PDB file of N, CA and C in Angstrom:
ATOM      1  N   UNK A   1     -19.647 -18.181  -5.198  1.00  0.00           N
ATOM      2  CA  UNK A   1     -20.091 -17.942  -3.831  1.00  0.00           C
ATOM      3  C   UNK A   1     -18.939 -17.485  -2.938  1.00  0.00           C
ATOM      4  N   UNK A   2     -17.731 -18.003  -3.218  1.00  0.00           N
ATOM      5  CA  UNK A   2     -16.600 -17.618  -2.379  1.00  0.00           C
ATOM      6  C   UNK A   2     -16.224 -16.159  -2.587  1.00  0.00           C
ATOM      7  N   UNK A   3     -16.499 -15.633  -3.780  1.00  0.00           N
ATOM      8  CA  UNK A   3     -16.170 -14.227  -4.042  1.00  0.00           C
ATOM      9  C   UNK A   3     -17.039 -13.319  -3.174  1.00  0.00           C
ATOM     10  N   UNK A   4     -18.310 -13.653  -3.037  1.00  0.00           N
ATOM     11  CA  UNK A   4     -19.204 -12.871  -2.182  1.00  0.00           C
ATOM     12  C   UNK A   4     -18.722 -12.908  -0.731  1.00  0.00           C
ATOM     13  N   UNK A   5     -18.350 -14.093  -0.258  1.00  0.00           N
ATOM     14  CA  UNK A   5     -17.831 -14.215   1.107  1.00  0.00           C
ATOM     15  C   UNK A   5     -16.552 -13.401   1.275  1.00  0.00           C
ATOM     16  N   UNK A   6     -15.705 -13.407   0.254  1.00  0.00           N
ATOM     17  CA  UNK A   6     -14.464 -12.635   0.313  1.00  0.00           C
ATOM     18  C   UNK A   6     -14.769 -11.132   0.345  1.00  0.00           C
ATOM     19  N   UNK A   7     -15.780 -10.705  -0.387  1.00  0.00           N
ATOM     20  CA  UNK A   7     -16.180  -9.297  -0.354  1.00  0.00           C
ATOM     21  C   UNK A   7     -16.698  -8.895   1.026  1.00  0.00           C
ATOM     22  N   UNK A   8     -17.470  -9.783   1.664  1.00  0.00           N
ATOM     23  CA  UNK A   8     -17.928  -9.516   3.033  1.00  0.00           C
ATOM     24  C   UNK A   8     -16.746  -9.477   4.002  1.00  0.00           C
ATOM     25  N   UNK A   9     -15.789 -10.374   3.812  1.00  0.00           N
ATOM     26  CA  UNK A   9     -14.568 -10.358   4.622  1.00  0.00           C
ATOM     27  C   UNK A   9     -13.876  -9.003   4.510  1.00  0.00           C
ATOM     28  N   UNK A  10     -13.687  -8.528   3.288  1.00  0.00           N
ATOM     29  CA  UNK A  10     -13.009  -7.255   3.064  1.00  0.00           C
ATOM     30  C   UNK A  10     -13.823  -6.107   3.658  1.00  0.00           C
ATOM     31  N   UNK A  11     -15.136  -6.157   3.493  1.00  0.00           N
ATOM     32  CA  UNK A  11     -15.997  -5.104   4.037  1.00  0.00           C
ATOM     33  C   UNK A  11     -15.964  -5.035   5.553  1.00  0.00           C
ATOM     34  N   UNK A  12     -16.095  -6.183   6.212  1.00  0.00           N
ATOM     35  CA  UNK A  12     -16.065  -6.191   7.677  1.00  0.00           C
ATOM     36  C   UNK A  12     -14.677  -5.847   8.204  1.00  0.00           C
ATOM     37  N   UNK A  13     -13.640  -6.233   7.480  1.00  0.00           N
ATOM     38  CA  UNK A  13     -12.279  -5.863   7.866  1.00  0.00           C
ATOM     39  C   UNK A  13     -12.111  -4.343   7.794  1.00  0.00           C
ATOM     40  N   UNK A  14     -12.631  -3.725   6.742  1.00  0.00           N
ATOM     41  CA  UNK A  14     -12.549  -2.273   6.608  1.00  0.00           C
ATOM     42  C   UNK A  14     -13.327  -1.575   7.721  1.00  0.00           C
ATOM     43  N   UNK A  15     -14.503  -2.096   8.027  1.00  0.00           N
ATOM     44  CA  UNK A  15     -15.297  -1.536   9.118  1.00  0.00           C
ATOM     45  C   UNK A  15     -14.557  -1.661  10.450  1.00  0.00           C
ATOM     46  N   UNK A  16     -13.961  -2.814  10.678  1.00  0.00           N
ATOM     47  CA  UNK A  16     -13.186  -3.022  11.901  1.00  0.00           C
ATOM     48  C   UNK A  16     -11.970  -2.097  11.937  1.00  0.00           C
ATOM     49  N   UNK A  17     -11.368  -1.844  10.784  1.00  0.00           N
ATOM     50  CA  UNK A  17     -10.239  -0.910  10.723  1.00  0.00           C
ATOM     51  C   UNK A  17     -10.678   0.504  11.117  1.00  0.00           C
ATOM     52  N   UNK A  18     -11.858   0.903  10.669  1.00  0.00           N
ATOM     53  CA  UNK A  18     -12.389   2.220  11.048  1.00  0.00           C
ATOM     54  C   UNK A  18     -12.602   2.276  12.557  1.00  0.00           C
ATOM     55  N   UNK A  19     -13.212   1.236  13.124  1.00  0.00           N
ATOM     56  CA  UNK A  19     -13.414   1.205  14.572  1.00  0.00           C
ATOM     57  C   UNK A  19     -12.076   1.215  15.316  1.00  0.00           C
ATOM     58  N   UNK A  20     -11.082   0.532  14.771  1.00  0.00           N
ATOM     59  CA  UNK A  20      -9.755   0.529  15.392  1.00  0.00           C
ATOM     60  C   UNK A  20      -9.138   1.926  15.379  1.00  0.00           C
ATOM     61  N   UNK A  21      -9.277   2.614  14.268  1.00  0.00           N
ATOM     62  CA  UNK A  21      -8.753   3.978  14.180  1.00  0.00           C
ATOM     63  C   UNK A  21      -9.484   4.885  15.164  1.00  0.00           C
ATOM     64  N   UNK A  22     -10.807   4.733  15.235  1.00  0.00           N
ATOM     65  CA  UNK A  22     -11.577   5.533  16.194  1.00  0.00           C
ATOM     66  C   UNK A  22     -11.141   5.228  17.630  1.00  0.00           C
ATOM     67  N   UNK A  23     -10.872   3.963  17.923  1.00  0.00           N
ATOM     68  CA  UNK A  23     -10.366   3.599  19.250  1.00  0.00           C
ATOM     69  C   UNK A  23      -9.027   4.281  19.508  1.00  0.00           C
ATOM     70  N   UNK A  24      -8.150   4.295  18.508  1.00  0.00           N
ATOM     71  CA  UNK A  24      -6.836   4.918  18.695  1.00  0.00           C
ATOM     72  C   UNK A  24      -6.957   6.423  18.931  1.00  0.00           C
ATOM     73  N   UNK A  25      -7.985   7.050  18.373  1.00  0.00           N
ATOM     74  CA  UNK A  25      -8.177   8.490  18.533  1.00  0.00           C
ATOM     75  C   UNK A  25      -8.903   8.849  19.823  1.00  0.00           C
ATOM     76  N   UNK A  26      -9.875   8.007  20.217  1.00  0.00           N
ATOM     77  CA  UNK A  26     -10.747   8.348  21.334  1.00  0.00           C
ATOM     78  C   UNK A  26     -10.480   7.529  22.599  1.00  0.00           C
ATOM     79  N   UNK A  27      -9.915   6.340  22.441  1.00  0.00           N
ATOM     80  CA  UNK A  27      -9.648   5.486  23.593  1.00  0.00           C
ATOM     81  C   UNK A  27     -10.893   4.863  24.212  1.00  0.00           C
ATOM     82  N   UNK A  28     -11.992   4.879  23.499  1.00  0.00           N
ATOM     83  CA  UNK A  28     -13.257   4.351  24.021  1.00  0.00           C
ATOM     84  C   UNK A  28     -13.300   2.836  23.901  1.00  0.00           C
ATOM     85  N   UNK A  29     -13.678   2.162  24.970  1.00  0.00           N
ATOM     86  CA  UNK A  29     -13.737   0.698  24.946  1.00  0.00           C
ATOM     87  C   UNK A  29     -14.838   0.205  24.008  1.00  0.00           C
ATOM     88  N   UNK A  30     -15.846   1.044  23.731  1.00  0.00           N
ATOM     89  CA  UNK A  30     -16.903   0.646  22.798  1.00  0.00           C
ATOM     90  C   UNK A  30     -16.325   0.448  21.392  1.00  0.00           C
ATOM     91  N   UNK A  31     -15.435   1.344  20.977  1.00  0.00           N
ATOM     92  CA  UNK A  31     -14.798   1.179  19.671  1.00  0.00           C
ATOM     93  C   UNK A  31     -13.886  -0.044  19.647  1.00  0.00           C
ATOM     94  N   UNK A  32     -13.257  -0.305  20.778  1.00  0.00           N
ATOM     95  CA  UNK A  32     -12.407  -1.501  20.881  1.00  0.00           C
ATOM     96  C   UNK A  32     -13.259  -2.755  20.663  1.00  0.00           C
ATOM     97  N   UNK A  33     -14.412  -2.814  21.354  1.00  0.00           N
ATOM     98  CA  UNK A  33     -15.308  -3.976  21.213  1.00  0.00           C
ATOM     99  C   UNK A  33     -15.852  -4.098  19.793  1.00  0.00           C
ATOM    100  N   UNK A  34     -16.229  -2.973  19.198  1.00  0.00           N
ATOM    101  CA  UNK A  34     -16.729  -3.005  17.824  1.00  0.00           C
ATOM    102  C   UNK A  34     -15.638  -3.474  16.859  1.00  0.00           C
ATOM    103  N   UNK A  35     -14.404  -3.037  17.080  1.00  0.00           N
ATOM    104  CA  UNK A  35     -13.301  -3.465  16.215  1.00  0.00           C
ATOM    105  C   UNK A  35     -13.071  -4.968  16.332  1.00  0.00           C
ATOM    106  N   UNK A  36     -12.989  -5.461  17.550  1.00  0.00           N
ATOM    107  CA  UNK A  36     -12.776  -6.896  17.750  1.00  0.00           C
ATOM    108  C   UNK A  36     -13.929  -7.693  17.143  1.00  0.00           C
ATOM    109  N   UNK A  37     -15.150  -7.239  17.357  1.00  0.00           N
ATOM    110  CA  UNK A  37     -16.313  -7.918  16.773  1.00  0.00           C
ATOM    111  C   UNK A  37     -16.252  -7.929  15.250  1.00  0.00           C
ATOM    112  N   UNK A  38     -15.853  -6.806  14.663  1.00  0.00           N
ATOM    113  CA  UNK A  38     -15.728  -6.737  13.208  1.00  0.00           C
ATOM    114  C   UNK A  38     -14.688  -7.704  12.680  1.00  0.00           C
ATOM    115  N   UNK A  39     -13.548  -7.806  13.380  1.00  0.00           N
ATOM    116  CA  UNK A  39     -12.500  -8.741  12.943  1.00  0.00           C
ATOM    117  C   UNK A  39     -12.965 -10.197  13.070  1.00  0.00           C
ATOM    118  N   UNK A  40     -13.726 -10.497  14.103  1.00  0.00           N
ATOM    119  CA  UNK A  40     -14.233 -11.867  14.281  1.00  0.00           C
ATOM    120  C   UNK A  40     -15.214 -12.217  13.162  1.00  0.00           C
ATOM    121  N   UNK A  41     -16.131 -11.314  12.878  1.00  0.00           N
ATOM    122  CA  UNK A  41     -17.096 -11.559  11.791  1.00  0.00           C
ATOM    123  C   UNK A  41     -16.369 -11.684  10.457  1.00  0.00           C
ATOM    124  N   UNK A  42     -15.388 -10.805  10.220  1.00  0.00           N
ATOM    125  CA  UNK A  42     -14.618 -10.856   8.978  1.00  0.00           C
ATOM    126  C   UNK A  42     -13.957 -12.216   8.818  1.00  0.00           C
ATOM    127  N   UNK A  43     -13.356 -12.714   9.867  1.00  0.00           N
ATOM    128  CA  UNK A  43     -12.660 -13.998   9.762  1.00  0.00           C
ATOM    129  C   UNK A  43     -13.609 -15.178   9.620  1.00  0.00           C
ATOM    130  N   UNK A  44     -14.844 -15.038  10.085  1.00  0.00           N
ATOM    131  CA  UNK A  44     -15.843 -16.074   9.815  1.00  0.00           C
ATOM    132  C   UNK A  44     -16.109 -16.159   8.309  1.00  0.00           C
ATOM    133  N   UNK A  45     -16.165 -15.004   7.647  1.00  0.00           N
ATOM    134  CA  UNK A  45     -16.334 -15.006   6.192  1.00  0.00           C
ATOM    135  C   UNK A  45     -15.103 -15.559   5.486  1.00  0.00           C
ATOM    136  N   UNK A  46     -13.924 -15.358   6.068  1.00  0.00           N
ATOM    137  CA  UNK A  46     -12.699 -15.943   5.497  1.00  0.00           C
ATOM    138  C   UNK A  46     -12.793 -17.458   5.508  1.00  0.00           C
ATOM    139  N   UNK A  47     -13.233 -18.018   6.616  1.00  0.00           N
ATOM    140  CA  UNK A  47     -13.364 -19.471   6.707  1.00  0.00           C
ATOM    141  C   UNK A  47     -14.341 -19.996   5.661  1.00  0.00           C
ATOM    142  N   UNK A  48     -15.450 -19.300   5.490  1.00  0.00           N
ATOM    143  CA  UNK A  48     -16.434 -19.708   4.492  1.00  0.00           C
ATOM    144  C   UNK A  48     -15.844 -19.596   3.085  1.00  0.00           C
ATOM    145  N   UNK A  49     -15.145 -18.514   2.820  1.00  0.00           N
ATOM    146  CA  UNK A  49     -14.564 -18.287   1.498  1.00  0.00           C
ATOM    147  C   UNK A  49     -13.545 -19.364   1.138  1.00  0.00           C
ATOM    148  N   UNK A  50     -12.689 -19.671   2.064  1.00  0.00           N
ATOM    149  CA  UNK A  50     -11.648 -20.666   1.773  1.00  0.00           C
ATOM    150  C   UNK A  50     -12.257 -22.062   1.616  1.00  0.00           C
ATOM    151  N   UNK A  51     -13.312 -22.332   2.356  1.00  0.00           N
ATOM    152  CA  UNK A  51     -13.984 -23.636   2.236  1.00  0.00           C
ATOM    153  C   UNK A  51     -14.708 -23.774   0.902  1.00  0.00           C
ATOM    154  N   UNK A  52     -15.211 -22.641   0.382  1.00  0.00           N
ATOM    155  CA  UNK A  52     -16.007 -22.666  -0.851  1.00  0.00           C
ATOM    156  C   UNK A  52     -15.188 -22.486  -2.120  1.00  0.00           C
ATOM    157  N   UNK A  53     -13.843 -22.421  -2.000  1.00  0.00           N
ATOM    158  CA  UNK A  53     -13.061 -22.475  -3.219  1.00  0.00           C
ATOM    159  C   UNK A  53     -12.118 -21.333  -3.525  1.00  0.00           C
ATOM    160  N   UNK A  54     -11.966 -20.373  -2.622  1.00  0.00           N
ATOM    161  CA  UNK A  54     -11.046 -19.277  -2.936  1.00  0.00           C
ATOM    162  C   UNK A  54      -9.601 -19.757  -2.989  1.00  0.00           C
ATOM    163  N   UNK A  55      -9.308 -20.805  -2.239  1.00  0.00           N
ATOM    164  CA  UNK A  55      -7.932 -21.268  -2.130  1.00  0.00           C
ATOM    165  C   UNK A  55      -7.174 -20.377  -1.161  1.00  0.00           C
ATOM    166  N   UNK A  56      -6.228 -20.935  -0.484  1.00  0.00           N
ATOM    167  CA  UNK A  56      -5.462 -20.165   0.493  1.00  0.00           C
ATOM    168  C   UNK A  56      -4.640 -19.080  -0.190  1.00  0.00           C
ATOM    169  N   UNK A  57      -3.882 -19.450  -1.210  1.00  0.00           N
ATOM    170  CA  UNK A  57      -2.983 -18.494  -1.857  1.00  0.00           C
ATOM    171  C   UNK A  57      -3.766 -17.382  -2.555  1.00  0.00           C
ATOM    172  N   UNK A  58      -4.685 -17.764  -3.438  1.00  0.00           N
ATOM    173  CA  UNK A  58      -5.440 -16.749  -4.187  1.00  0.00           C
ATOM    174  C   UNK A  58      -6.294 -15.907  -3.242  1.00  0.00           C
ATOM    175  N   UNK A  59      -6.994 -16.541  -2.321  1.00  0.00           N
ATOM    176  CA  UNK A  59      -7.841 -15.801  -1.395  1.00  0.00           C
ATOM    177  C   UNK A  59      -7.057 -14.852  -0.514  1.00  0.00           C
ATOM    178  N   UNK A  60      -5.910 -15.309  -0.018  1.00  0.00           N
ATOM    179  CA  UNK A  60      -5.095 -14.464   0.860  1.00  0.00           C
ATOM    180  C   UNK A  60      -4.541 -13.266   0.115  1.00  0.00           C
ATOM    181  N   UNK A  61      -4.115 -13.469  -1.123  1.00  0.00           N
ATOM    182  CA  UNK A  61      -3.583 -12.340  -1.898  1.00  0.00           C
ATOM    183  C   UNK A  61      -4.693 -11.346  -2.205  1.00  0.00           C
ATOM    184  N   UNK A  62      -5.841 -11.831  -2.651  1.00  0.00           N
ATOM    185  CA  UNK A  62      -6.953 -10.930  -2.949  1.00  0.00           C
ATOM    186  C   UNK A  62      -7.375 -10.145  -1.716  1.00  0.00           C
ATOM    187  N   UNK A  63      -7.499 -10.847  -0.592  1.00  0.00           N
ATOM    188  CA  UNK A  63      -7.888 -10.176   0.654  1.00  0.00           C
ATOM    189  C   UNK A  63      -6.847  -9.143   1.067  1.00  0.00           C
ATOM    190  N   UNK A  64      -5.590  -9.524   1.047  1.00  0.00           N
ATOM    191  CA  UNK A  64      -4.531  -8.630   1.505  1.00  0.00           C
ATOM    192  C   UNK A  64      -4.429  -7.386   0.644  1.00  0.00           C
ATOM    193  N   UNK A  65      -4.436  -7.573  -0.656  1.00  0.00           N
ATOM    194  CA  UNK A  65      -4.301  -6.427  -1.566  1.00  0.00           C
ATOM    195  C   UNK A  65      -5.528  -5.520  -1.469  1.00  0.00           C
ATOM    196  N   UNK A  66      -6.708  -6.109  -1.529  1.00  0.00           N
ATOM    197  CA  UNK A  66      -7.929  -5.299  -1.467  1.00  0.00           C
ATOM    198  C   UNK A  66      -8.050  -4.582  -0.123  1.00  0.00           C
ATOM    199  N   UNK A  67      -7.717  -5.252   0.965  1.00  0.00           N
ATOM    200  CA  UNK A  67      -7.784  -4.626   2.288  1.00  0.00           C
ATOM    201  C   UNK A  67      -6.773  -3.498   2.417  1.00  0.00           C
ATOM    202  N   UNK A  68      -5.585  -3.705   1.873  1.00  0.00           N
ATOM    203  CA  UNK A  68      -4.568  -2.653   1.937  1.00  0.00           C
ATOM    204  C   UNK A  68      -5.006  -1.424   1.143  1.00  0.00           C
ATOM    205  N   UNK A  69      -5.532  -1.644  -0.056  1.00  0.00           N
ATOM    206  CA  UNK A  69      -6.003  -0.521  -0.872  1.00  0.00           C
ATOM    207  C   UNK A  69      -7.115   0.216  -0.153  1.00  0.00           C
ATOM    208  N   UNK A  70      -8.076  -0.536   0.388  1.00  0.00           N
ATOM    209  CA  UNK A  70      -9.200   0.072   1.090  1.00  0.00           C
ATOM    210  C   UNK A  70      -8.732   0.826   2.331  1.00  0.00           C
ATOM    211  N   UNK A  71      -7.790   0.276   3.080  1.00  0.00           N
ATOM    212  CA  UNK A  71      -7.282   0.946   4.277  1.00  0.00           C
ATOM    213  C   UNK A  71      -6.591   2.259   3.926  1.00  0.00           C
ATOM    214  N   UNK A  72      -5.821   2.262   2.846  1.00  0.00           N
ATOM    215  CA  UNK A  72      -5.157   3.497   2.416  1.00  0.00           C
ATOM    216  C   UNK A  72      -6.199   4.535   2.006  1.00  0.00           C
ATOM    217  N   UNK A  73      -7.213   4.102   1.270  1.00  0.00           N
ATOM    218  CA  UNK A  73      -8.257   5.039   0.848  1.00  0.00           C
ATOM    219  C   UNK A  73      -9.039   5.583   2.045  1.00  0.00           C
ATOM    220  N   UNK A  74      -9.397   4.724   2.986  1.00  0.00           N
ATOM    221  CA  UNK A  74     -10.110   5.173   4.192  1.00  0.00           C
ATOM    222  C   UNK A  74      -9.238   6.144   4.978  1.00  0.00           C
ATOM    223  N   UNK A  75      -7.977   5.784   5.150  1.00  0.00           N
ATOM    224  CA  UNK A  75      -7.074   6.653   5.899  1.00  0.00           C
ATOM    225  C   UNK A  75      -6.928   8.020   5.260  1.00  0.00           C
ATOM    226  N   UNK A  76      -6.838   8.043   3.942  1.00  0.00           N
ATOM    227  CA  UNK A  76      -6.641   9.328   3.266  1.00  0.00           C
ATOM    228  C   UNK A  76      -7.923  10.145   3.167  1.00  0.00           C
ATOM    229  N   UNK A  77      -9.040   9.488   2.908  1.00  0.00           N
ATOM    230  CA  UNK A  77     -10.303  10.222   2.709  1.00  0.00           C
ATOM    231  C   UNK A  77     -10.950  10.592   4.039  1.00  0.00           C
ATOM    232  N   UNK A  78     -11.107   9.618   4.919  1.00  0.00           N
ATOM    233  CA  UNK A  78     -11.823   9.858   6.175  1.00  0.00           C
ATOM    234  C   UNK A  78     -10.960  10.540   7.232  1.00  0.00           C
ATOM    235  N   UNK A  79      -9.687  10.155   7.296  1.00  0.00           N
ATOM    236  CA  UNK A  79      -8.827  10.659   8.368  1.00  0.00           C
ATOM    237  C   UNK A  79      -7.741  11.613   7.872  1.00  0.00           C
ATOM    238  N   UNK A  80      -7.786  11.967   6.598  1.00  0.00           N
ATOM    239  CA  UNK A  80      -6.870  12.941   5.998  1.00  0.00           C
ATOM    240  C   UNK A  80      -5.399  12.575   6.200  1.00  0.00           C
ATOM    241  N   UNK A  81      -5.109  11.291   6.155  1.00  0.00           N
ATOM    242  CA  UNK A  81      -3.728  10.835   6.215  1.00  0.00           C
ATOM    243  C   UNK A  81      -3.098  11.037   4.837  1.00  0.00           C
ATOM    244  N   UNK A  82      -1.842  11.359   4.827  1.00  0.00           N
ATOM    245  CA  UNK A  82      -1.133  11.636   3.571  1.00  0.00           C
ATOM    246  C   UNK A  82      -0.829  10.340   2.813  1.00  0.00           C
ATOM    247  N   UNK A  83      -1.011  10.393   1.492  1.00  0.00           N
ATOM    248  CA  UNK A  83      -0.596   9.295   0.615  1.00  0.00           C
ATOM    249  C   UNK A  83       0.572   9.809  -0.208  1.00  0.00           C
ATOM    250  N   UNK A  84       1.708   9.182  -0.028  1.00  0.00           N
ATOM    251  CA  UNK A  84       2.893   9.588  -0.772  1.00  0.00           C
ATOM    252  C   UNK A  84       2.977   8.890  -2.111  1.00  0.00           C
ATOM    253  N   UNK A  85       4.041   9.178  -2.819  1.00  0.00           N
ATOM    254  CA  UNK A  85       4.250   8.576  -4.130  1.00  0.00           C
ATOM    255  C   UNK A  85       4.393   7.072  -4.075  1.00  0.00           C
ATOM    256  N   UNK A  86       5.100   6.581  -3.074  1.00  0.00           N
ATOM    257  CA  UNK A  86       5.307   5.142  -2.949  1.00  0.00           C
ATOM    258  C   UNK A  86       3.981   4.437  -2.670  1.00  0.00           C
ATOM    259  N   UNK A  87       3.164   5.010  -1.799  1.00  0.00           N
ATOM    260  CA  UNK A  87       1.853   4.418  -1.518  1.00  0.00           C
ATOM    261  C   UNK A  87       0.972   4.406  -2.755  1.00  0.00           C
ATOM    262  N   UNK A  88       1.020   5.485  -3.536  1.00  0.00           N
ATOM    263  CA  UNK A  88       0.224   5.551  -4.765  1.00  0.00           C
ATOM    264  C   UNK A  88       0.646   4.462  -5.750  1.00  0.00           C
ATOM    265  N   UNK A  89       1.939   4.264  -5.877  1.00  0.00           N
ATOM    266  CA  UNK A  89       2.436   3.196  -6.747  1.00  0.00           C
ATOM    267  C   UNK A  89       1.996   1.842  -6.205  1.00  0.00           C
ATOM    268  N   UNK A  90       2.026   1.681  -4.884  1.00  0.00           N
ATOM    269  CA  UNK A  90       1.579   0.432  -4.273  1.00  0.00           C
ATOM    270  C   UNK A  90       0.119   0.134  -4.564  1.00  0.00           C
ATOM    271  N   UNK A  91      -0.723   1.161  -4.523  1.00  0.00           N
ATOM    272  CA  UNK A  91      -2.139   0.974  -4.862  1.00  0.00           C
ATOM    273  C   UNK A  91      -2.279   0.525  -6.307  1.00  0.00           C
ATOM    274  N   UNK A  92      -1.560   1.162  -7.207  1.00  0.00           N
ATOM    275  CA  UNK A  92      -1.604   0.788  -8.620  1.00  0.00           C
ATOM    276  C   UNK A  92      -1.140  -0.655  -8.820  1.00  0.00           C
ATOM    277  N   UNK A  93      -0.055  -1.027  -8.184  1.00  0.00           N
ATOM    278  CA  UNK A  93       0.441  -2.407  -8.285  1.00  0.00           C
ATOM    279  C   UNK A  93      -0.587  -3.386  -7.716  1.00  0.00           C
ATOM    280  N   UNK A  94      -1.248  -2.998  -6.629  1.00  0.00           N
ATOM    281  CA  UNK A  94      -2.285  -3.845  -6.046  1.00  0.00           C
ATOM    282  C   UNK A  94      -3.451  -4.076  -6.993  1.00  0.00           C
ATOM    283  N   UNK A  95      -3.874  -3.028  -7.662  1.00  0.00           N
ATOM    284  CA  UNK A  95      -4.964  -3.160  -8.637  1.00  0.00           C
ATOM    285  C   UNK A  95      -4.536  -4.078  -9.775  1.00  0.00           C
ATOM    286  N   UNK A  96      -3.312  -3.909 -10.252  1.00  0.00           N
ATOM    287  CA  UNK A  96      -2.799  -4.772 -11.315  1.00  0.00           C
ATOM    288  C   UNK A  96      -2.748  -6.225 -10.828  1.00  0.00           C
ATOM    289  N   UNK A  97      -2.344  -6.433  -9.578  1.00  0.00           N
ATOM    290  CA  UNK A  97      -2.292  -7.796  -9.029  1.00  0.00           C
ATOM    291  C   UNK A  97      -3.668  -8.447  -9.021  1.00  0.00           C
ATOM    292  N   UNK A  98      -4.678  -7.708  -8.628  1.00  0.00           N
ATOM    293  CA  UNK A  98      -6.038  -8.261  -8.612  1.00  0.00           C
ATOM    294  C   UNK A  98      -6.493  -8.611 -10.025  1.00  0.00           C
ATOM    295  N   UNK A  99      -6.222  -7.739 -10.977  1.00  0.00           N
ATOM    296  CA  UNK A  99      -6.585  -8.020 -12.373  1.00  0.00           C
ATOM    297  C   UNK A  99      -5.875  -9.281 -12.861  1.00  0.00           C
ATOM    298  N   UNK A 100      -4.595  -9.406 -12.565  1.00  0.00           N
ATOM    299  CA  UNK A 100      -3.839 -10.583 -13.015  1.00  0.00           C
ATOM    300  C   UNK A 100      -4.344 -11.876 -12.375  1.00  0.00           C
ATOM    301  N   UNK A 101      -4.744 -11.810 -11.122  1.00  0.00           N
ATOM    302  CA  UNK A 101      -5.272 -13.009 -10.465  1.00  0.00           C
ATOM    303  C   UNK A 101      -6.562 -13.456 -11.144  1.00  0.00           C
ATOM    304  N   UNK A 102      -7.392 -12.506 -11.538  1.00  0.00           N
ATOM    305  CA  UNK A 102      -8.660 -12.836 -12.185  1.00  0.00           C
ATOM    306  C   UNK A 102      -8.550 -12.915 -13.708  1.00  0.00           C
ATOM    307  N   UNK A 103      -7.359 -12.762 -14.270  1.00  0.00           N
ATOM    308  CA  UNK A 103      -7.188 -12.714 -15.721  1.00  0.00           C
ATOM    309  C   UNK A 103      -7.834 -13.893 -16.450  1.00  0.00           C
ATOM    310  N   UNK A 104      -7.602 -15.148 -16.038  1.00  0.00           N
ATOM    311  CA  UNK A 104      -8.245 -16.255 -16.758  1.00  0.00           C
ATOM    312  C   UNK A 104      -9.780 -16.174 -16.717  1.00  0.00           C
ATOM    313  N   UNK A 105     -10.329 -15.746 -15.582  1.00  0.00           N
ATOM    314  CA  UNK A 105     -11.780 -15.598 -15.476  1.00  0.00           C
ATOM    315  C   UNK A 105     -12.280 -14.462 -16.359  1.00  0.00           C
ATOM    316  N   UNK A 106     -11.513 -13.385 -16.436  1.00  0.00           N
ATOM    317  CA  UNK A 106     -11.904 -12.262 -17.287  1.00  0.00           C
ATOM    318  C   UNK A 106     -11.895 -12.642 -18.766  1.00  0.00           C
ATOM    319  N   UNK A 107     -10.870 -13.405 -19.163  1.00  0.00           N
ATOM    320  CA  UNK A 107     -10.808 -13.860 -20.555  1.00  0.00           C
ATOM    321  C   UNK A 107     -12.001 -14.733 -20.904  1.00  0.00           C
ATOM    322  N   UNK A 108     -12.339 -15.637 -20.019  1.00  0.00           N
ATOM    323  CA  UNK A 108     -13.502 -16.506 -20.237  1.00  0.00           C
ATOM    324  C   UNK A 108     -14.779 -15.692 -20.329  1.00  0.00           C
ATOM    325  N   UNK A 109     -14.904 -14.691 -19.488  1.00  0.00           N
ATOM    326  CA  UNK A 109     -16.092 -13.838 -19.481  1.00  0.00           C
ATOM    327  C   UNK A 109     -16.223 -13.066 -20.794  1.00  0.00           C
ATOM    328  N   UNK A 110     -15.121 -12.509 -21.271  1.00  0.00           N
ATOM    329  CA  UNK A 110     -15.176 -11.705 -22.497  1.00  0.00           C
ATOM    330  C   UNK A 110     -15.304 -12.551 -23.761  1.00  0.00           C
ATOM    331  N   UNK A 111     -14.784 -13.762 -23.744  1.00  0.00           N
ATOM    332  CA  UNK A 111     -14.885 -14.636 -24.912  1.00  0.00           C
ATOM    333  C   UNK A 111     -16.251 -15.293 -25.012  1.00  0.00           C
ATOM    334  N   UNK A 112     -16.954 -15.319 -23.899  1.00  0.00           N
ATOM    335  CA  UNK A 112     -18.300 -15.879 -23.901  1.00  0.00           C
ATOM    336  C   UNK A 112     -18.324 -17.287 -23.698  1.00  0.00           C
TER     337      UNK A 112
END
């Protein structure tokens, strides 16, 4: 259950990041309000996730890495921001970090 809450946290954080970028481009207070609202909703899911078993360390790393990867992808795809070599390596390292965090669960899943 905590994984679902963490996914909602990451999703609302990404949505709030988009609204924040739109605010930075347009200066509209509506985007500012939508961004703040998105961050508040995202953090409500964080509280639920940590209460249901994500753990502070594991949950924070998963959230941070996944949010960073998603922000880079949104920035590059939606806003045509450049991704350099270092950022690309960072995304790869982030994916490896997520796999390693879930490694014991993956082994259990594959072994049956």
